[in-house]
Amino acid sequence: MSPTKHTTPYNPIMHSFLRGVSSQRLESMDFRTTEQRVFANTMARQVAYDYNQSTKEENNMNNNELDLKGLLEDNTPDGMEVDMEKSTLQKVVFKKKVKSTRWEDLEYISGFFSSTDSEVYDHSNCPRAENQNLYATQAQCKAHLAQAKLSQIMKEVNEDWVADWNDLAQTKYCITLTGVNYEAHGVWSIPKFLSFKSKELAEQVLCENADLLEQYKPLAG
C-alpha cells in the first residue's frame, strides 16, 4: 500500500516563519527526524505556492495589457487612429487615419454594371472581391459601353492597320477630348485610345459618332 499523500494548506503564520529561517539553520538539518522532514516538505510546498502566485500575477498583468488594447480600439473615434509617435503612458493622442488607395483594401462597394444584353443595372453594398465589374457611377458604366462600340468602329475602318506607339515615324490620327470638345489631330508618341491610320478616317468617325463620343466622355479624359 502506497503512503497517503497529505496536502499542506497555505498558512500565513507558517509562511512568515519559513521566511525567517536562516540558511545556517537549514544547513544544520540532516532531515532524519520527522519534524525536520515535515519542515522540509512544508517549505517545498510553500516555495511552489509562491511560484504559482507569482505566475498568476504575471498572467493577470498580460491580460490587463490586452484589455487596454481593446479599450483603445473601442474608444477610438471614427476615421482616427492612435498616433504611436506622439502618445505616451500618460496621454493617448489620436490622428486622422489615412485611407488606403489599394483596390484590395476596399470591403463593400456599390455601383453599376452592364449585362450581356448591354443594359445597365445597379448593385449596392456588395463584396468587393466578387464584384470587380462595377463602375462607381452610371455615367461611367454607360461610357464603357460607348467605348466598346467605338473600338469596334475603329477596328473596322482601320482594317489591318495598328498604331505602333514605339515607332515615332508613324503618324497616328487621334480623336481626343480637349476641354469639353473633341478634336482630330496627328499624334506620334503619346498613346491615345481612338487612333486611326488617316486624318480623313478620324474626322469621319468624329463627325458621324457625336452621340457615342458624348456618352464616352466620362472615360475619355
Protein backbone atom coordinates (compact mmCIF):
# COMPACT_ATOMS: atom_id res chain seq x y z
CA MET A 1 0.00 0.00 0.00
CA SER A 2 1.39 3.36 -1.01
CA PRO A 3 1.64 6.03 1.70
CA THR A 4 -1.18 8.58 1.82
CA LYS A 5 -0.23 11.99 0.47
CA HIS A 6 -1.04 14.96 2.67
CA THR A 7 -1.66 18.42 1.21
CA THR A 8 -0.45 21.23 3.40
CA PRO A 9 -2.74 24.27 3.09
CA TYR A 10 -1.36 27.77 2.91
CA ASN A 11 -0.68 29.02 6.40
CA PRO A 12 0.25 32.71 6.74
CA ILE A 13 1.89 32.12 10.13
CA MET A 14 3.99 29.25 8.77
CA HIS A 15 4.77 31.35 5.72
CA SER A 16 6.15 34.11 7.90
CA PHE A 17 8.06 31.60 9.98
CA LEU A 18 9.69 29.98 6.94
CA ARG A 19 10.80 33.34 5.59
CA GLY A 20 12.58 33.95 8.88
CA VAL A 21 14.55 30.71 8.87
CA SER A 22 18.25 31.37 8.31
CA SER A 23 20.33 29.45 5.78
CA GLN A 24 22.63 28.28 8.61
CA ARG A 25 19.71 26.51 10.27
CA LEU A 26 18.81 24.75 7.02
CA GLU A 27 22.42 23.62 6.55
CA SER A 28 22.49 22.12 10.04
CA MET A 29 19.46 19.91 9.37
CA ASP A 30 20.11 16.30 8.39
CA PHE A 31 16.37 15.68 7.75
CA ARG A 32 16.48 12.44 9.74
CA THR A 33 13.87 13.39 12.25
CA THR A 34 10.17 13.52 11.46
CA GLU A 35 9.99 17.16 12.44
CA GLN A 36 12.78 18.13 10.05
CA ARG A 37 11.23 16.15 7.19
CA VAL A 38 7.86 17.80 7.83
CA PHE A 39 9.57 21.15 7.93
CA ALA A 40 11.36 20.49 4.61
CA ASN A 41 8.15 19.26 3.00
CA THR A 42 6.29 22.32 4.19
CA MET A 43 8.99 24.63 2.85
CA ALA A 44 8.93 22.92 -0.57
CA ARG A 45 5.16 23.32 -0.77
CA GLN A 46 5.42 26.96 0.24
CA VAL A 47 8.01 27.66 -2.46
CA ALA A 48 5.74 26.02 -5.04
CA TYR A 49 2.80 28.09 -3.80
CA ASP A 50 4.82 31.33 -4.04
CA TYR A 51 5.84 30.42 -7.61
CA ASN A 52 2.25 29.74 -8.65
CA GLN A 53 1.08 33.03 -7.15
CA SER A 54 3.82 34.91 -9.00
CA THR A 55 2.83 33.25 -12.29
CA LYS A 56 -0.83 34.16 -11.74
CA GLU A 57 0.07 37.79 -11.09
CA GLU A 58 2.17 37.89 -14.28
CA ASN A 59 -0.67 36.40 -16.31
CA ASN A 60 -3.08 38.97 -14.89
CA MET A 61 -0.72 41.74 -15.96
CA ASN A 62 -0.59 40.34 -19.50
CA ASN A 63 -4.39 40.16 -19.57
CA ASN A 64 -4.59 43.78 -18.48
CA GLU A 65 -2.40 44.77 -21.42
CA LEU A 66 -4.79 43.01 -23.81
CA ASP A 67 -7.75 44.71 -22.18
CA LEU A 68 -6.06 48.09 -22.60
CA LYS A 69 -5.59 47.43 -26.32
CA GLY A 70 -9.25 46.51 -26.66
CA LEU A 71 -10.22 49.61 -24.68
CA LEU A 72 -8.31 51.82 -27.10
CA GLU A 73 -9.92 50.14 -30.11
CA ASP A 74 -13.41 50.56 -28.64
CA ASN A 75 -12.87 54.26 -27.87
CA THR A 76 -11.02 55.39 -30.98
CA PRO A 77 -13.19 57.93 -32.89
CA ASP A 78 -14.33 57.00 -36.38
CA GLY A 79 -11.77 57.86 -39.02
CA MET A 80 -8.99 58.19 -36.43
CA GLU A 81 -6.14 56.01 -35.18
CA VAL A 82 -3.64 56.13 -32.31
CA ASP A 83 -0.58 58.27 -33.06
CA MET A 84 2.14 55.94 -31.75
CA GLU A 85 4.86 58.60 -32.09
CA LYS A 86 3.10 61.26 -30.00
CA SER A 87 1.27 59.04 -27.48
CA THR A 88 2.80 58.49 -24.03
CA LEU A 89 1.97 56.42 -20.93
CA GLN A 90 0.09 59.45 -19.58
CA LYS A 91 -1.66 60.60 -22.76
CA VAL A 92 -3.10 58.94 -25.85
CA VAL A 93 -3.01 61.09 -28.99
CA PHE A 94 -5.22 60.34 -31.99
CA LYS A 95 -4.56 61.29 -35.60
CA LYS A 96 -6.62 61.18 -38.77
CA LYS A 97 -6.49 57.75 -40.35
CA VAL A 98 -5.03 57.77 -43.84
CA LYS A 99 -7.21 55.75 -46.21
CA SER A 100 -5.53 53.23 -48.46
CA THR A 101 -5.89 53.67 -52.23
CA ARG A 102 -5.50 49.94 -52.94
CA TRP A 103 -8.40 48.06 -54.53
CA GLU A 104 -7.72 45.11 -52.21
CA ASP A 105 -8.40 47.27 -49.14
CA LEU A 106 -11.97 48.06 -50.18
CA GLU A 107 -14.61 45.96 -48.44
CA TYR A 108 -18.14 46.63 -49.70
CA ILE A 109 -18.81 48.59 -52.86
CA SER A 110 -21.80 49.92 -54.79
CA GLY A 111 -22.15 50.87 -58.42
CA PHE A 112 -23.35 49.93 -61.90
CA PHE A 113 -22.63 47.12 -64.34
CA SER A 114 -23.75 46.10 -67.82
CA SER A 115 -25.05 42.63 -68.56
CA THR A 116 -24.86 40.60 -71.76
CA ASP A 117 -27.90 42.47 -73.07
CA SER A 118 -25.94 45.76 -72.70
CA GLU A 119 -28.45 47.09 -70.16
CA VAL A 120 -27.11 48.94 -67.13
CA TYR A 121 -28.03 47.72 -63.65
CA ASP A 122 -27.19 48.97 -60.17
CA HIS A 123 -25.76 46.86 -57.37
CA SER A 124 -25.40 48.09 -53.78
CA ASN A 125 -23.31 47.12 -50.75
CA CYS A 126 -21.75 44.01 -52.23
CA PRO A 127 -18.38 42.31 -51.52
CA ARG A 128 -15.53 43.84 -53.48
CA ALA A 129 -13.85 40.53 -54.37
CA GLU A 130 -16.98 39.12 -56.04
CA ASN A 131 -17.95 42.25 -57.99
CA GLN A 132 -14.97 43.55 -59.90
CA ASN A 133 -17.02 44.79 -62.87
CA LEU A 134 -18.84 47.60 -61.02
CA TYR A 135 -18.38 51.21 -62.13
CA ALA A 136 -18.80 53.79 -59.39
CA THR A 137 -21.30 55.86 -61.42
CA GLN A 138 -23.96 55.13 -64.02
CA ALA A 139 -22.34 57.58 -66.44
CA GLN A 140 -19.03 55.71 -66.26
CA CYS A 141 -20.78 52.40 -66.88
CA LYS A 142 -22.59 53.79 -69.94
CA ALA A 143 -19.31 55.30 -71.13
CA HIS A 144 -17.66 51.88 -71.18
CA LEU A 145 -20.49 50.64 -73.45
CA ALA A 146 -19.82 53.54 -75.82
CA GLN A 147 -16.10 52.75 -75.67
CA ALA A 148 -16.79 49.15 -76.71
CA LYS A 149 -18.83 50.34 -79.72
CA LEU A 150 -16.14 52.85 -80.72
CA SER A 151 -13.46 50.16 -80.52
CA GLN A 152 -15.43 48.04 -83.00
CA ILE A 153 -15.81 51.01 -85.36
CA MET A 154 -12.08 51.76 -85.07
CA LYS A 155 -11.20 48.14 -85.87
CA GLU A 156 -13.49 48.14 -88.91
CA VAL A 157 -12.20 51.33 -90.54
CA ASN A 158 -8.51 50.75 -89.75
CA GLU A 159 -8.63 47.23 -91.20
CA ASP A 160 -5.17 45.66 -90.67
CA TRP A 161 -3.55 48.91 -89.51
CA VAL A 162 -2.46 49.05 -85.84
CA ALA A 163 -0.94 52.03 -84.07
CA ASP A 164 2.69 51.39 -83.12
CA TRP A 165 3.49 53.77 -80.27
CA ASN A 166 7.15 52.75 -80.29
CA ASP A 167 7.51 54.00 -83.86
CA LEU A 168 7.90 57.79 -83.74
CA ALA A 169 7.95 57.95 -87.52
CA GLN A 170 4.40 56.60 -87.76
CA THR A 171 1.76 59.33 -87.62
CA LYS A 172 -1.43 58.36 -85.78
CA TYR A 173 -4.54 60.46 -86.22
CA CYS A 174 -6.41 60.53 -82.94
CA ILE A 175 -9.69 61.79 -81.55
CA THR A 176 -9.05 63.40 -78.19
CA LEU A 177 -11.13 65.36 -75.72
CA THR A 178 -9.85 68.92 -75.30
CA GLY A 179 -11.83 70.69 -72.63
CA VAL A 180 -15.45 69.88 -73.48
CA ASN A 181 -15.00 69.26 -77.21
CA TYR A 182 -13.33 66.57 -79.33
CA GLU A 183 -10.61 67.21 -81.89
CA ALA A 184 -8.89 65.08 -84.52
CA HIS A 185 -5.14 65.65 -84.88
CA GLY A 186 -1.85 63.91 -85.51
CA VAL A 187 -0.04 62.23 -82.62
CA TRP A 188 3.32 60.43 -82.60
CA SER A 189 4.42 59.32 -79.12
CA ILE A 190 1.64 59.70 -76.54
CA PRO A 191 -0.74 56.69 -76.69
CA LYS A 192 -4.42 57.50 -77.34
CA PHE A 193 -7.38 55.13 -77.48
CA LEU A 194 -9.15 56.46 -80.59
CA SER A 195 -6.34 56.18 -83.14
CA PHE A 196 -6.75 55.98 -86.92
CA LYS A 197 -4.49 55.43 -89.92
CA SER A 198 -5.58 58.62 -91.67
CA LYS A 199 -6.83 62.09 -90.86
CA GLU A 200 -9.86 61.58 -93.11
CA LEU A 201 -10.99 58.50 -91.17
CA ALA A 202 -10.53 60.21 -87.80
CA GLU A 203 -12.59 63.21 -88.93
CA GLN A 204 -15.30 60.96 -90.42
CA VAL A 205 -15.68 59.00 -87.16
CA LEU A 206 -15.74 62.26 -85.21
CA CYS A 207 -18.48 63.68 -87.44
CA GLU A 208 -20.68 60.59 -87.65
CA ASN A 209 -20.50 59.44 -83.99
CA ALA A 210 -21.15 62.53 -81.93
CA ASP A 211 -23.67 60.63 -79.77
CA LEU A 212 -21.26 57.84 -78.87
CA LEU A 213 -18.43 60.28 -78.22
CA GLU A 214 -20.67 62.29 -75.90
CA GLN A 215 -21.58 59.12 -73.99
CA TYR A 216 -17.88 58.17 -73.85
CA LYS A 217 -16.78 61.46 -72.22
CA PRO A 218 -16.58 60.24 -68.57
CA LEU A 219 -13.79 57.84 -69.61
CA ALA A 220 -12.24 59.94 -72.38
CA GLY A 221 -10.01 62.04 -70.14
